[in-house]
Amino acid sequence: MTHTHLLQKVGVEGLVEVAPEIFRLRVRNEVLAGRAQPGQFVNIRVTDGFDPLWRRPLSVHDVDRQAGTVDFLFAVVGRGTRLLSQVRPGNQLDVLGPLGNTFPLFPQRPAVLVAGGLGLAPFLFFARQLAAAQVQTTLLYGVRSTTQLVSTEAFQRLGVHVELATDDGSEGLRGTAADLLRRALPGLPEDAVVYTCGPLPAVRAVARVLAETPRRAYASLETRMACGLGACVGCVVRMRRRTPDTPAYKLVCKDGPIFDLEEVDLEA
């Protein structure tokens, strides 16, 4: 598929502030809704012009193929996402996507989703796929405080068992998503597959827990990303060199964003 075929004009259907400075954006585009798969992302231009120059990468949070809508979950962290938080229904946005690879699905094995903060973003769409495949699924979800919790009821409606952690102890375990995983590991089936998403420090914390009791695991990595197509080489991650043919680095946008957790050198 050419890059031209990935360019889409999408119409803004709605924008809701679901938690302080956290928004769910819904757009309508039947092509994007039909092509998107769990784990993929888009690169979105936040204005009609070129200021800011670079697009912003957003994970696909949810899809309604029948309605032709796609949801994205994002936090306001800078000027670009601030501008995106100001769009209104009826606005048109320029989107490049869907991009990236997808979460591997193991229909006969329990799934454990480990999400810290906005690492939750790609998991709701994936949870729908898991529910359709009748996979026993658990979500371990950590945030700073209760006010930052989003989408938990949507997961529960899919039959997902949800466990919570907060940094301040305002709900669930006082700690992080990695702490939830450490607590849960002794009771997990040996064939359970762990999926995690977040910035490298959060993924590193999950990897350290899994080093104590290894499980098959995959990580959706969050890095700074500009082009989203592998041209700018701005989102490299170091890989473990198992053989002379294994590349020392891979690109999150082109080779990921999802990697076998054992592949990535998180201590680099």
Protein backbone atom coordinates (compact mmCIF):
# COMPACT_ATOMS: atom_id res chain seq x y z
CA MET A 1 0.00 0.00 0.00
CA THR A 2 1.42 3.39 -0.98
CA HIS A 3 1.65 6.34 1.37
CA THR A 4 -0.91 8.14 -0.80
CA HIS A 5 -3.46 5.41 -0.07
CA LEU A 6 -2.85 5.92 3.65
CA LEU A 7 -3.80 9.61 3.54
CA GLN A 8 -7.36 10.17 4.73
CA LYS A 9 -9.59 13.15 5.36
CA VAL A 10 -11.68 12.43 8.44
CA GLY A 11 -14.62 14.31 9.85
CA VAL A 12 -14.73 15.11 13.55
CA GLU A 13 -17.81 13.48 15.10
CA GLY A 14 -17.16 14.46 18.69
CA LEU A 15 -14.60 15.38 21.33
CA VAL A 16 -15.14 14.61 25.01
CA GLU A 17 -12.90 15.44 27.97
CA VAL A 18 -13.07 12.11 29.79
CA ALA A 19 -10.66 13.13 32.57
CA PRO A 20 -8.74 16.33 33.31
CA GLU A 21 -6.73 17.12 30.15
CA ILE A 22 -7.53 13.69 28.65
CA PHE A 23 -9.77 13.59 25.60
CA ARG A 24 -11.55 11.00 23.48
CA LEU A 25 -11.73 12.09 19.86
CA ARG A 26 -14.20 10.40 17.49
CA VAL A 27 -13.81 10.75 13.73
CA ARG A 28 -15.75 9.32 10.84
CA ASN A 29 -14.08 7.71 7.84
CA GLU A 30 -15.28 4.36 6.51
CA VAL A 31 -11.95 3.52 4.87
CA LEU A 32 -9.96 4.12 8.06
CA ALA A 33 -12.54 2.28 10.18
CA GLY A 34 -12.49 -0.65 7.77
CA ARG A 35 -8.69 -0.98 7.61
CA ALA A 36 -7.63 -0.30 11.20
CA GLN A 37 -6.51 -3.25 13.32
CA PRO A 38 -5.80 -3.47 17.07
CA GLY A 39 -2.40 -2.03 17.90
CA GLN A 40 -2.12 0.31 14.92
CA PHE A 41 -1.86 4.08 15.04
CA VAL A 42 -2.32 7.14 12.86
CA ASN A 43 -0.28 10.29 12.36
CA ILE A 44 -2.64 13.23 12.50
CA ARG A 45 -2.17 16.84 11.41
CA VAL A 46 -3.62 19.01 14.15
CA THR A 47 -4.19 22.14 12.01
CA ASP A 48 -4.92 22.94 8.38
CA GLY A 49 -1.46 24.48 7.97
CA PHE A 50 2.10 23.44 8.76
CA ASP A 51 2.42 24.98 12.22
CA PRO A 52 3.17 22.81 14.07
CA LEU A 53 5.04 21.06 11.28
CA TRP A 54 4.98 17.47 12.52
CA ARG A 55 1.92 15.29 12.85
CA ARG A 56 1.00 13.73 16.18
CA PRO A 57 0.88 9.91 16.51
CA LEU A 58 -2.26 8.53 18.18
CA SER A 59 -3.10 4.90 18.89
CA VAL A 60 -6.43 3.62 17.64
CA HIS A 61 -8.49 3.40 20.82
CA ASP A 62 -11.69 1.91 19.41
CA VAL A 63 -13.47 1.27 16.12
CA ASP A 64 -17.09 0.88 15.09
CA ARG A 65 -16.86 -0.56 11.59
CA GLN A 66 -20.62 -0.46 11.04
CA ALA A 67 -20.82 3.23 11.92
CA GLY A 68 -17.53 4.01 10.17
CA THR A 69 -16.07 5.73 13.24
CA VAL A 70 -12.67 5.58 14.93
CA ASP A 71 -11.87 6.77 18.46
CA PHE A 72 -8.57 8.11 19.75
CA LEU A 73 -7.55 8.77 23.35
CA PHE A 74 -4.98 11.49 24.01
CA ALA A 75 -3.67 13.74 26.75
CA VAL A 76 -2.78 17.40 26.36
CA VAL A 77 0.99 17.46 26.78
CA GLY A 78 2.07 20.26 24.45
CA ARG A 79 0.99 22.73 21.83
CA GLY A 80 0.01 20.15 19.23
CA THR A 81 -2.31 18.18 21.49
CA ARG A 82 -3.67 21.45 22.90
CA LEU A 83 -4.70 22.46 19.38
CA LEU A 84 -6.20 19.01 18.82
CA SER A 85 -8.25 19.41 22.00
CA GLN A 86 -9.90 22.45 20.44
CA VAL A 87 -11.38 20.79 17.34
CA ARG A 88 -15.15 20.76 16.99
CA PRO A 89 -17.72 18.47 15.33
CA GLY A 90 -17.78 19.13 11.61
CA ASN A 91 -14.08 19.98 11.40
CA GLN A 92 -11.97 18.01 8.91
CA LEU A 93 -8.61 16.53 9.88
CA ASP A 94 -5.80 15.13 7.73
CA VAL A 95 -4.76 11.67 8.89
CA LEU A 96 -2.02 9.32 7.73
CA GLY A 97 -2.89 5.74 8.54
CA PRO A 98 -3.52 3.18 9.73
CA LEU A 99 0.19 2.62 10.39
CA GLY A 100 2.24 -0.02 12.17
CA ASN A 101 1.80 -3.66 13.05
CA THR A 102 -0.82 -5.34 15.22
CA PHE A 103 -1.10 -7.24 18.49
CA PRO A 104 -0.56 -10.98 17.97
CA LEU A 105 -3.63 -12.97 18.94
CA PHE A 106 -3.47 -16.34 20.69
CA PRO A 107 -7.09 -17.57 20.82
CA GLN A 108 -6.49 -20.43 23.25
CA ARG A 109 -4.38 -18.51 25.78
CA PRO A 110 -5.44 -16.02 28.50
CA ALA A 111 -4.44 -12.39 27.84
CA VAL A 112 -3.18 -9.89 30.40
CA LEU A 113 -3.17 -6.24 29.38
CA VAL A 114 -0.84 -4.03 31.44
CA ALA A 115 -1.47 -0.32 30.97
CA GLY A 116 -0.02 2.68 32.74
CA GLY A 117 -1.85 5.97 32.11
CA LEU A 118 -2.42 6.60 28.41
CA GLY A 119 -0.83 3.22 27.71
CA LEU A 120 -4.47 2.16 27.92
CA ALA A 121 -5.17 3.76 24.53
CA PRO A 122 -4.66 0.78 22.15
CA PHE A 123 -6.18 -1.83 24.44
CA LEU A 124 -9.94 -1.24 24.14
CA PHE A 125 -9.99 -2.11 20.43
CA PHE A 126 -7.80 -5.14 21.16
CA ALA A 127 -10.11 -6.16 24.02
CA ARG A 128 -12.99 -6.27 21.52
CA GLN A 129 -10.99 -8.64 19.34
CA LEU A 130 -10.13 -10.80 22.35
CA ALA A 131 -13.77 -10.90 23.46
CA ALA A 132 -14.87 -11.96 19.97
CA ALA A 133 -12.32 -14.79 20.14
CA GLN A 134 -13.60 -15.71 23.64
CA VAL A 135 -10.19 -15.11 25.20
CA GLN A 136 -10.10 -14.77 29.00
CA THR A 137 -8.77 -11.24 29.47
CA THR A 138 -7.50 -9.23 32.45
CA LEU A 139 -6.67 -5.52 32.44
CA LEU A 140 -4.10 -4.26 34.96
CA TYR A 141 -4.46 -0.49 34.83
CA GLY A 142 -2.42 2.05 36.76
CA VAL A 143 -2.81 5.84 36.88
CA ARG A 144 -1.74 8.72 39.13
CA SER A 145 -5.12 9.07 40.87
CA THR A 146 -8.79 8.16 40.52
CA THR A 147 -9.46 11.27 38.44
CA GLN A 148 -7.25 9.86 35.65
CA LEU A 149 -9.20 6.61 35.17
CA VAL A 150 -10.88 6.29 31.77
CA SER A 151 -12.79 3.62 29.79
CA THR A 152 -12.91 1.08 32.63
CA GLU A 153 -16.65 0.46 32.20
CA ALA A 154 -16.17 -0.19 28.47
CA PHE A 155 -13.68 -2.96 29.30
CA GLN A 156 -15.99 -4.45 31.91
CA ARG A 157 -18.88 -4.54 29.42
CA LEU A 158 -16.66 -6.73 27.24
CA GLY A 159 -16.22 -9.17 30.10
CA VAL A 160 -12.67 -8.04 30.93
CA HIS A 161 -11.58 -8.47 34.54
CA VAL A 162 -10.20 -5.07 35.61
CA GLU A 163 -7.72 -4.44 38.43
CA LEU A 164 -6.66 -0.91 39.32
CA ALA A 165 -3.67 0.81 40.87
CA THR A 166 -3.14 4.47 41.70
CA ASP A 167 0.06 6.26 42.70
CA ASP A 168 -1.74 8.04 45.54
CA GLY A 169 -3.74 5.05 46.72
CA SER A 170 -7.08 6.73 45.95
CA GLU A 171 -8.37 3.54 44.30
CA GLY A 172 -7.17 -0.04 44.10
CA LEU A 173 -3.59 -0.95 44.88
CA ARG A 174 -1.28 1.85 45.91
CA GLY A 175 1.37 1.57 43.22
CA THR A 176 1.74 1.10 39.47
CA ALA A 177 0.53 -1.24 36.75
CA ALA A 178 3.83 -3.10 37.10
CA ASP A 179 3.07 -3.62 40.79
CA LEU A 180 -0.31 -5.05 39.83
CA LEU A 181 1.45 -7.47 37.48
CA ARG A 182 3.87 -8.56 40.20
CA ARG A 183 0.93 -9.29 42.49
CA ALA A 184 -1.01 -11.13 39.79
CA LEU A 185 1.78 -13.29 38.35
CA PRO A 186 1.65 -16.18 40.87
CA GLY A 187 -2.02 -16.78 40.02
CA LEU A 188 -1.72 -16.51 36.24
CA PRO A 189 -1.80 -19.61 34.04
CA GLU A 190 1.62 -20.48 32.68
CA ASP A 191 0.44 -20.00 29.11
CA ALA A 192 -0.94 -16.49 29.71
CA VAL A 193 0.31 -13.85 27.27
CA VAL A 194 1.17 -10.40 28.62
CA TYR A 195 0.72 -7.24 26.56
CA THR A 196 1.91 -3.85 27.74
CA CYS A 197 1.95 -0.32 26.38
CA GLY A 198 3.66 2.87 27.43
CA PRO A 199 6.84 4.90 27.35
CA LEU A 200 10.12 3.03 27.75
CA PRO A 201 10.42 3.50 31.55
CA ALA A 202 6.98 1.96 32.11
CA VAL A 203 7.69 -0.92 29.74
CA ARG A 204 11.06 -1.43 31.42
CA ALA A 205 9.31 -1.79 34.80
CA VAL A 206 7.00 -4.46 33.37
CA ALA A 207 9.96 -6.28 31.79
CA ARG A 208 11.77 -6.36 35.14
CA VAL A 209 8.73 -7.94 36.79
CA LEU A 210 8.49 -10.54 34.03
CA ALA A 211 12.18 -11.35 34.43
CA GLU A 212 11.25 -12.81 37.82
CA THR A 213 8.57 -15.10 36.34
CA PRO A 214 8.96 -15.19 32.56
CA ARG A 215 5.89 -15.12 30.34
CA ARG A 216 5.42 -14.58 26.63
CA ALA A 217 5.05 -10.81 26.35
CA TYR A 218 4.61 -8.06 23.78
CA ALA A 219 5.05 -4.32 24.15
CA SER A 220 3.54 -1.43 22.23
CA LEU A 221 6.20 1.26 22.54
CA GLU A 222 5.65 5.00 22.83
CA THR A 223 8.46 7.17 21.50
CA ARG A 224 8.85 10.59 19.95
CA MET A 225 7.78 10.22 16.35
CA ALA A 226 7.76 12.67 13.45
CA CYS A 227 7.05 11.22 10.00
CA GLY A 228 5.51 7.89 11.05
CA LEU A 229 6.89 6.22 7.90
CA GLY A 230 10.51 5.44 8.77
CA ALA A 231 12.00 8.29 6.75
CA CYS A 232 13.18 10.58 9.54
CA VAL A 233 14.70 7.76 11.67
CA GLY A 234 13.59 9.61 14.78
CA CYS A 235 12.02 6.74 16.73
CA VAL A 236 14.79 4.15 16.97
CA VAL A 237 14.95 1.55 19.73
CA ARG A 238 17.89 -0.70 20.42
CA MET A 239 17.42 -4.44 19.93
CA ARG A 240 19.09 -7.40 21.57
CA ARG A 241 21.63 -8.80 19.10
CA ARG A 242 20.93 -12.55 19.02
CA THR A 243 22.61 -13.29 15.68
CA PRO A 244 24.84 -11.38 13.26
CA ASP A 245 21.78 -10.83 11.07
CA THR A 246 19.72 -9.16 13.81
CA PRO A 247 19.67 -5.36 13.36
CA ALA A 248 21.04 -3.31 16.24
CA TYR A 249 18.15 -0.87 16.00
CA LYS A 250 14.58 -0.86 14.73
CA LEU A 251 12.07 1.90 14.10
CA VAL A 252 8.97 2.06 16.27
CA CYS A 253 6.87 3.51 13.44
CA LYS A 254 7.95 1.11 10.68
CA ASP A 255 8.92 -2.09 12.54
CA GLY A 256 6.46 -1.64 15.43
CA PRO A 257 4.98 -0.18 17.45
CA ILE A 258 4.54 -3.70 18.83
CA PHE A 259 7.58 -5.82 19.63
CA ASP A 260 8.27 -9.11 21.33
CA LEU A 261 9.41 -7.85 24.72
CA GLU A 262 12.49 -10.10 24.61
CA GLU A 263 13.65 -8.40 21.41
CA VAL A 264 14.01 -4.90 22.85
CA ASP A 265 17.08 -3.81 24.82
CA LEU A 266 15.23 -1.74 27.41
CA GLU A 267 18.34 -1.13 29.50
CA ALA A 268 20.21 0.64 26.67
